[in-house]
Amino acid sequence: MKNLFAGAAKLIKRKDVEKDKAYNNNVDQEKVNRNIEAAEERLAEPGLTMCQRQEYQKALDGLKKYKKY
């Protein structure tokens, strides 16, 4: 029974990885770059609260994983 669950988990994980790769290939890099610049500019603003700063940093980290170098 454990092998059945382990096999199902591997199959689901593999499908998720394939979906992520397909999505990464279709992302518009110009939009990603613009959004990264905007997030960096907002992080540089002096009047942000800690929560705002964390949200912008989280968005920036998420965007960087879609950027192709």
Protein backbone atom coordinates (compact mmCIF):
# COMPACT_ATOMS: atom_id res chain seq x y z
CA MET A 1 0.00 0.00 0.00
CA LYS A 2 2.86 2.38 0.82
CA ASN A 3 4.40 1.72 -2.60
CA LEU A 4 1.12 2.70 -4.25
CA PHE A 5 1.08 6.05 -2.46
CA ALA A 6 4.76 6.66 -3.13
CA GLY A 7 4.27 5.92 -6.83
CA ALA A 8 1.28 8.25 -7.03
CA ALA A 9 3.21 11.02 -5.28
CA LYS A 10 6.11 10.69 -7.75
CA LEU A 11 3.73 10.82 -10.71
CA ILE A 12 2.00 13.94 -9.41
CA LYS A 13 5.33 15.61 -8.66
CA ARG A 14 6.63 14.81 -12.16
CA LYS A 15 3.54 16.35 -13.76
CA ASP A 16 3.97 19.51 -11.66
CA VAL A 17 7.60 19.82 -12.76
CA GLU A 18 6.62 19.40 -16.41
CA LYS A 19 3.93 22.09 -16.07
CA ASP A 20 6.44 24.46 -14.46
CA LYS A 21 8.93 23.91 -17.29
CA ALA A 22 6.26 24.53 -19.93
CA TYR A 23 5.15 27.70 -18.15
CA ASN A 24 8.73 28.96 -17.83
CA ASN A 25 9.25 28.53 -21.58
CA ASN A 26 6.17 30.64 -22.39
CA VAL A 27 6.77 33.54 -19.99
CA ASP A 28 7.25 36.91 -21.70
CA GLN A 29 10.74 37.98 -20.59
CA GLU A 30 10.10 41.66 -21.30
CA LYS A 31 7.22 41.67 -18.80
CA VAL A 32 9.28 39.78 -16.24
CA ASN A 33 12.11 42.30 -16.53
CA ARG A 34 9.70 45.25 -16.19
CA ASN A 35 8.09 43.73 -13.11
CA ILE A 36 11.49 43.02 -11.54
CA GLU A 37 12.52 46.63 -12.06
CA ALA A 38 9.26 47.89 -10.56
CA ALA A 39 9.62 45.66 -7.50
CA GLU A 40 13.22 46.80 -6.99
CA GLU A 41 12.17 50.46 -7.25
CA ARG A 42 9.42 49.97 -4.69
CA LEU A 43 11.81 48.19 -2.33
CA ALA A 44 14.10 51.22 -2.50
CA GLU A 45 11.35 53.55 -1.23
CA PRO A 46 12.13 54.71 2.31
CA GLY A 47 8.56 54.88 3.69
CA LEU A 48 7.59 51.22 3.38
CA THR A 49 6.29 49.26 6.33
CA MET A 50 7.87 45.93 7.20
CA CYS A 51 4.88 44.06 5.74
CA GLN A 52 5.06 45.97 2.45
CA ARG A 53 8.80 45.37 2.25
CA GLN A 54 8.29 41.62 2.80
CA GLU A 55 5.57 41.44 0.14
CA TYR A 56 7.71 43.25 -2.45
CA GLN A 57 10.68 41.03 -1.62
CA LYS A 58 8.54 37.90 -1.97
CA ALA A 59 7.24 39.13 -5.33
CA LEU A 60 10.77 39.93 -6.48
CA ASP A 61 12.04 36.48 -5.48
CA GLY A 62 9.17 34.86 -7.36
CA LEU A 63 9.84 36.90 -10.49
CA LYS A 64 13.55 36.14 -10.50
CA LYS A 65 12.93 32.42 -10.88
CA TYR A 66 11.19 33.09 -14.21
CA LYS A 67 13.94 35.31 -15.57
CA LYS A 68 16.11 33.77 -18.26
CA TYR A 69 19.70 34.91 -18.25
